[in-house]
Amino acid sequence: MRKDITTHVDPIVFWQWVCGGLHLSKRDYLHLIACTDCETLADEISNALDDIEKTLSRRHPHLDAS
């Protein structure tokens, strides 16, 4: 009997997706909305990027992209 092995989305794919540089494949998107571990990872990456942006804008206000 064959075991179903969950293939999670590669974390670097999430990083690139959250940065707006990559579209998720249909398989990755469907997996993301069904897998709480991957959803949590994507949220953590998004939060980390927000924190980096806040820190940079505080330390280097002349670099503010808004």
PDB file of N, CA and C in Angstrom:
ATOM      1  N   MET A   1       0.826  -1.168   0.000  1.00  0.00           N
ATOM      2  CA  MET A   1       0.000   0.000   0.000  1.00  0.00           C
ATOM      3  C   MET A   1       0.880   1.244   0.000  1.00  0.00           C
ATOM      4  N   ARG A   2       0.549   2.188  -0.878  1.00  0.00           N
ATOM      5  CA  ARG A   2       1.337   3.402  -1.008  1.00  0.00           C
ATOM      6  C   ARG A   2       0.838   4.475  -0.048  1.00  0.00           C
ATOM      7  N   LYS A   3       1.755   5.124   0.641  1.00  0.00           N
ATOM      8  CA  LYS A   3       1.401   6.212   1.547  1.00  0.00           C
ATOM      9  C   LYS A   3       1.303   7.514   0.763  1.00  0.00           C
ATOM     10  N   ASP A   4       0.312   8.334   1.096  1.00  0.00           N
ATOM     11  CA  ASP A   4       0.257   9.671   0.520  1.00  0.00           C
ATOM     12  C   ASP A   4       1.273  10.544   1.238  1.00  0.00           C
ATOM     13  N   ILE A   5       2.159  11.129   0.464  1.00  0.00           N
ATOM     14  CA  ILE A   5       3.167  12.007   1.031  1.00  0.00           C
ATOM     15  C   ILE A   5       2.810  13.437   0.642  1.00  0.00           C
ATOM     16  N   THR A   6       2.656  14.269   1.643  1.00  0.00           N
ATOM     17  CA  THR A   6       2.321  15.661   1.386  1.00  0.00           C
ATOM     18  C   THR A   6       3.549  16.379   0.860  1.00  0.00           C
ATOM     19  N   THR A   7       3.408  17.008  -0.274  1.00  0.00           N
ATOM     20  CA  THR A   7       4.479  17.803  -0.836  1.00  0.00           C
ATOM     21  C   THR A   7       4.155  19.265  -0.559  1.00  0.00           C
ATOM     22  N   HIS A   8       4.848  19.813   0.417  1.00  0.00           N
ATOM     23  CA  HIS A   8       4.625  21.204   0.779  1.00  0.00           C
ATOM     24  C   HIS A   8       5.258  22.113  -0.262  1.00  0.00           C
ATOM     25  N   VAL A   9       4.779  23.348  -0.279  1.00  0.00           N
ATOM     26  CA  VAL A   9       5.340  24.347  -1.173  1.00  0.00           C
ATOM     27  C   VAL A   9       6.703  24.755  -0.615  1.00  0.00           C
ATOM     28  N   ASP A  10       7.676  24.882  -1.502  1.00  0.00           N
ATOM     29  CA  ASP A  10       9.032  25.265  -1.108  1.00  0.00           C
ATOM     30  C   ASP A  10       9.000  26.652  -0.462  1.00  0.00           C
ATOM     31  N   PRO A  11       9.621  26.830   0.714  1.00  0.00           N
ATOM     32  CA  PRO A  11       9.601  28.129   1.385  1.00  0.00           C
ATOM     33  C   PRO A  11      10.103  29.292   0.519  1.00  0.00           C
ATOM     34  N   ILE A  12      11.090  29.057  -0.333  1.00  0.00           N
ATOM     35  CA  ILE A  12      11.588  30.138  -1.184  1.00  0.00           C
ATOM     36  C   ILE A  12      10.521  30.578  -2.184  1.00  0.00           C
ATOM     37  N   VAL A  13       9.647  29.663  -2.578  1.00  0.00           N
ATOM     38  CA  VAL A  13       8.531  30.013  -3.469  1.00  0.00           C
ATOM     39  C   VAL A  13       7.579  30.951  -2.733  1.00  0.00           C
ATOM     40  N   PHE A  14       7.308  30.669  -1.452  1.00  0.00           N
ATOM     41  CA  PHE A  14       6.471  31.569  -0.661  1.00  0.00           C
ATOM     42  C   PHE A  14       7.123  32.944  -0.543  1.00  0.00           C
ATOM     43  N   TRP A  15       8.416  32.948  -0.257  1.00  0.00           N
ATOM     44  CA  TRP A  15       9.137  34.213  -0.107  1.00  0.00           C
ATOM     45  C   TRP A  15       9.000  35.046  -1.390  1.00  0.00           C
ATOM     46  N   GLN A  16       9.248  34.433  -2.521  1.00  0.00           N
ATOM     47  CA  GLN A  16       9.147  35.140  -3.801  1.00  0.00           C
ATOM     48  C   GLN A  16       7.710  35.577  -4.077  1.00  0.00           C
ATOM     49  N   TRP A  17       6.747  34.750  -3.741  1.00  0.00           N
ATOM     50  CA  TRP A  17       5.333  35.060  -3.970  1.00  0.00           C
ATOM     51  C   TRP A  17       4.895  36.244  -3.123  1.00  0.00           C
ATOM     52  N   VAL A  18       5.263  36.238  -1.837  1.00  0.00           N
ATOM     53  CA  VAL A  18       4.884  37.323  -0.946  1.00  0.00           C
ATOM     54  C   VAL A  18       5.531  38.636  -1.396  1.00  0.00           C
ATOM     55  N   CYS A  19       6.726  38.564  -1.974  1.00  0.00           N
ATOM     56  CA  CYS A  19       7.417  39.756  -2.483  1.00  0.00           C
ATOM     57  C   CYS A  19       6.843  40.228  -3.818  1.00  0.00           C
ATOM     58  N   GLY A  20       5.926  39.475  -4.394  1.00  0.00           N
ATOM     59  CA  GLY A  20       5.302  39.871  -5.648  1.00  0.00           C
ATOM     60  C   GLY A  20       6.091  39.464  -6.880  1.00  0.00           C
ATOM     61  N   GLY A  21       7.063  38.613  -6.714  1.00  0.00           N
ATOM     62  CA  GLY A  21       7.914  38.259  -7.839  1.00  0.00           C
ATOM     63  C   GLY A  21       7.572  36.948  -8.513  1.00  0.00           C
ATOM     64  N   LEU A  22       6.552  36.276  -8.052  1.00  0.00           N
ATOM     65  CA  LEU A  22       6.267  34.954  -8.581  1.00  0.00           C
ATOM     66  C   LEU A  22       4.794  34.647  -8.374  1.00  0.00           C
ATOM     67  N   HIS A  23       4.186  33.995  -9.325  1.00  0.00           N
ATOM     68  CA  HIS A  23       2.807  33.525  -9.166  1.00  0.00           C
ATOM     69  C   HIS A  23       2.868  32.072  -8.722  1.00  0.00           C
ATOM     70  N   LEU A  24       1.970  31.721  -7.818  1.00  0.00           N
ATOM     71  CA  LEU A  24       1.918  30.328  -7.386  1.00  0.00           C
ATOM     72  C   LEU A  24       1.268  29.489  -8.475  1.00  0.00           C
ATOM     73  N   SER A  25       1.783  28.282  -8.629  1.00  0.00           N
ATOM     74  CA  SER A  25       1.135  27.353  -9.547  1.00  0.00           C
ATOM     75  C   SER A  25      -0.214  26.964  -8.946  1.00  0.00           C
ATOM     76  N   LYS A  26      -1.078  26.414  -9.755  1.00  0.00           N
ATOM     77  CA  LYS A  26      -2.392  25.993  -9.268  1.00  0.00           C
ATOM     78  C   LYS A  26      -2.238  24.963  -8.150  1.00  0.00           C
ATOM     79  N   ARG A  27      -1.311  24.029  -8.323  1.00  0.00           N
ATOM     80  CA  ARG A  27      -1.062  23.006  -7.301  1.00  0.00           C
ATOM     81  C   ARG A  27      -0.614  23.651  -5.999  1.00  0.00           C
ATOM     82  N   ASP A  28       0.342  24.605  -6.091  1.00  0.00           N
ATOM     83  CA  ASP A  28       0.841  25.271  -4.887  1.00  0.00           C
ATOM     84  C   ASP A  28      -0.263  26.080  -4.208  1.00  0.00           C
ATOM     85  N   TYR A  29      -1.069  26.787  -5.011  1.00  0.00           N
ATOM     86  CA  TYR A  29      -2.157  27.589  -4.444  1.00  0.00           C
ATOM     87  C   TYR A  29      -3.169  26.698  -3.734  1.00  0.00           C
ATOM     88  N   LEU A  30      -3.576  25.617  -4.379  1.00  0.00           N
ATOM     89  CA  LEU A  30      -4.546  24.703  -3.769  1.00  0.00           C
ATOM     90  C   LEU A  30      -3.986  24.078  -2.499  1.00  0.00           C
ATOM     91  N   HIS A  31      -2.683  23.771  -2.525  1.00  0.00           N
ATOM     92  CA  HIS A  31      -2.059  23.212  -1.336  1.00  0.00           C
ATOM     93  C   HIS A  31      -2.041  24.261  -0.219  1.00  0.00           C
ATOM     94  N   LEU A  32      -1.701  25.506  -0.561  1.00  0.00           N
ATOM     95  CA  LEU A  32      -1.629  26.576   0.432  1.00  0.00           C
ATOM     96  C   LEU A  32      -2.951  26.764   1.158  1.00  0.00           C
ATOM     97  N   ILE A  33      -4.044  26.775   0.421  1.00  0.00           N
ATOM     98  CA  ILE A  33      -5.328  27.021   1.078  1.00  0.00           C
ATOM     99  C   ILE A  33      -5.835  25.808   1.860  1.00  0.00           C
ATOM    100  N   ALA A  34      -5.238  24.657   1.642  1.00  0.00           N
ATOM    101  CA  ALA A  34      -5.668  23.450   2.353  1.00  0.00           C
ATOM    102  C   ALA A  34      -4.724  23.048   3.491  1.00  0.00           C
ATOM    103  N   CYS A  35      -3.522  23.591   3.497  1.00  0.00           N
ATOM    104  CA  CYS A  35      -2.500  23.158   4.457  1.00  0.00           C
ATOM    105  C   CYS A  35      -2.230  24.265   5.477  1.00  0.00           C
ATOM    106  N   THR A  36      -2.583  24.017   6.726  1.00  0.00           N
ATOM    107  CA  THR A  36      -2.379  25.045   7.745  1.00  0.00           C
ATOM    108  C   THR A  36      -0.899  25.326   7.986  1.00  0.00           C
ATOM    109  N   ASP A  37      -0.041  24.323   7.838  1.00  0.00           N
ATOM    110  CA  ASP A  37       1.402  24.548   8.021  1.00  0.00           C
ATOM    111  C   ASP A  37       1.945  25.512   6.979  1.00  0.00           C
ATOM    112  N   CYS A  38       1.560  25.311   5.722  1.00  0.00           N
ATOM    113  CA  CYS A  38       2.042  26.188   4.655  1.00  0.00           C
ATOM    114  C   CYS A  38       1.425  27.580   4.769  1.00  0.00           C
ATOM    115  N   GLU A  39       0.161  27.643   5.160  1.00  0.00           N
ATOM    116  CA  GLU A  39      -0.490  28.938   5.351  1.00  0.00           C
ATOM    117  C   GLU A  39       0.196  29.720   6.468  1.00  0.00           C
ATOM    118  N   THR A  40       0.531  29.034   7.545  1.00  0.00           N
ATOM    119  CA  THR A  40       1.239  29.666   8.655  1.00  0.00           C
ATOM    120  C   THR A  40       2.607  30.163   8.211  1.00  0.00           C
ATOM    121  N   LEU A  41       3.312  29.356   7.435  1.00  0.00           N
ATOM    122  CA  LEU A  41       4.628  29.763   6.933  1.00  0.00           C
ATOM    123  C   LEU A  41       4.514  31.000   6.046  1.00  0.00           C
ATOM    124  N   ALA A  42       3.548  31.034   5.155  1.00  0.00           N
ATOM    125  CA  ALA A  42       3.355  32.193   4.283  1.00  0.00           C
ATOM    126  C   ALA A  42       3.045  33.438   5.117  1.00  0.00           C
ATOM    127  N   ASP A  43       2.221  33.295   6.149  1.00  0.00           N
ATOM    128  CA  ASP A  43       1.914  34.421   7.040  1.00  0.00           C
ATOM    129  C   ASP A  43       3.162  34.891   7.780  1.00  0.00           C
ATOM    130  N   GLU A  44       3.973  33.965   8.256  1.00  0.00           N
ATOM    131  CA  GLU A  44       5.196  34.322   8.973  1.00  0.00           C
ATOM    132  C   GLU A  44       6.175  35.055   8.057  1.00  0.00           C
ATOM    133  N   ILE A  45       6.281  34.625   6.821  1.00  0.00           N
ATOM    134  CA  ILE A  45       7.152  35.294   5.852  1.00  0.00           C
ATOM    135  C   ILE A  45       6.641  36.708   5.588  1.00  0.00           C
ATOM    136  N   SER A  46       5.342  36.838   5.413  1.00  0.00           N
ATOM    137  CA  SER A  46       4.745  38.154   5.178  1.00  0.00           C
ATOM    138  C   SER A  46       4.997  39.087   6.357  1.00  0.00           C
ATOM    139  N   ASN A  47       4.824  38.577   7.563  1.00  0.00           N
ATOM    140  CA  ASN A  47       5.072  39.378   8.761  1.00  0.00           C
ATOM    141  C   ASN A  47       6.543  39.769   8.874  1.00  0.00           C
ATOM    142  N   ALA A  48       7.437  38.854   8.554  1.00  0.00           N
ATOM    143  CA  ALA A  48       8.869  39.155   8.599  1.00  0.00           C
ATOM    144  C   ALA A  48       9.225  40.246   7.598  1.00  0.00           C
ATOM    145  N   LEU A  49       8.665  40.181   6.415  1.00  0.00           N
ATOM    146  CA  LEU A  49       8.928  41.216   5.410  1.00  0.00           C
ATOM    147  C   LEU A  49       8.379  42.569   5.859  1.00  0.00           C
ATOM    148  N   ASP A  50       7.210  42.577   6.482  1.00  0.00           N
ATOM    149  CA  ASP A  50       6.657  43.826   7.028  1.00  0.00           C
ATOM    150  C   ASP A  50       7.587  44.408   8.093  1.00  0.00           C
ATOM    151  N   ASP A  51       8.104  43.545   8.962  1.00  0.00           N
ATOM    152  CA  ASP A  51       9.027  44.004  10.005  1.00  0.00           C
ATOM    153  C   ASP A  51      10.307  44.578   9.400  1.00  0.00           C
ATOM    154  N   ILE A  52      10.827  43.937   8.365  1.00  0.00           N
ATOM    155  CA  ILE A  52      12.029  44.436   7.695  1.00  0.00           C
ATOM    156  C   ILE A  52      11.754  45.812   7.093  1.00  0.00           C
ATOM    157  N   GLU A  53      10.610  45.949   6.436  1.00  0.00           N
ATOM    158  CA  GLU A  53      10.259  47.230   5.817  1.00  0.00           C
ATOM    159  C   GLU A  53      10.125  48.334   6.871  1.00  0.00           C
ATOM    160  N   LYS A  54       9.489  48.046   8.005  1.00  0.00           N
ATOM    161  CA  LYS A  54       9.341  49.036   9.076  1.00  0.00           C
ATOM    162  C   LYS A  54      10.700  49.448   9.631  1.00  0.00           C
ATOM    163  N   THR A  55      11.568  48.471   9.844  1.00  0.00           N
ATOM    164  CA  THR A  55      12.899  48.768  10.375  1.00  0.00           C
ATOM    165  C   THR A  55      13.690  49.626   9.396  1.00  0.00           C
ATOM    166  N   LEU A  56      13.643  49.276   8.131  1.00  0.00           N
ATOM    167  CA  LEU A  56      14.370  50.063   7.125  1.00  0.00           C
ATOM    168  C   LEU A  56      13.842  51.487   7.035  1.00  0.00           C
ATOM    169  N   SER A  57      12.523  51.655   7.085  1.00  0.00           N
ATOM    170  CA  SER A  57      11.966  52.999   6.966  1.00  0.00           C
ATOM    171  C   SER A  57      12.284  53.844   8.200  1.00  0.00           C
ATOM    172  N   ARG A  58      12.424  53.219   9.358  1.00  0.00           N
ATOM    173  CA  ARG A  58      12.816  53.955  10.573  1.00  0.00           C
ATOM    174  C   ARG A  58      14.282  54.363  10.502  1.00  0.00           C
ATOM    175  N   ARG A  59      15.115  53.453  10.051  1.00  0.00           N
ATOM    176  CA  ARG A  59      16.563  53.724  10.036  1.00  0.00           C
ATOM    177  C   ARG A  59      16.999  54.558   8.839  1.00  0.00           C
ATOM    178  N   HIS A  60      16.258  54.444   7.750  1.00  0.00           N
ATOM    179  CA  HIS A  60      16.620  55.147   6.512  1.00  0.00           C
ATOM    180  C   HIS A  60      15.380  55.782   5.903  1.00  0.00           C
ATOM    181  N   PRO A  61      14.859  56.841   6.520  1.00  0.00           N
ATOM    182  CA  PRO A  61      13.602  57.432   6.038  1.00  0.00           C
ATOM    183  C   PRO A  61      13.692  57.938   4.602  1.00  0.00           C
ATOM    184  N   HIS A  62      14.884  58.266   4.126  1.00  0.00           N
ATOM    185  CA  HIS A  62      15.035  58.740   2.747  1.00  0.00           C
ATOM    186  C   HIS A  62      14.827  57.618   1.723  1.00  0.00           C
ATOM    187  N   LEU A  63      14.780  56.379   2.164  1.00  0.00           N
ATOM    188  CA  LEU A  63      14.561  55.243   1.267  1.00  0.00           C
ATOM    189  C   LEU A  63      13.092  54.846   1.185  1.00  0.00           C
ATOM    190  N   ASP A  64      12.233  55.580   1.879  1.00  0.00           N
ATOM    191  CA  ASP A  64      10.799  55.242   1.910  1.00  0.00           C
ATOM    192  C   ASP A  64      10.243  55.214   0.492  1.00  0.00           C
ATOM    193  N   ALA A  65       9.702  54.060   0.103  1.00  0.00           N
ATOM    194  CA  ALA A  65       9.207  53.867  -1.272  1.00  0.00           C
ATOM    195  C   ALA A  65       7.764  54.324  -1.427  1.00  0.00           C
ATOM    196  N   SER A  66       7.087  54.726  -0.360  1.00  0.00           N
ATOM    197  CA  SER A  66       5.670  55.094  -0.482  1.00  0.00           C
ATOM    198  C   SER A  66       5.466  56.401  -1.184  1.00  0.00           C
TER     199      SER A  66
END
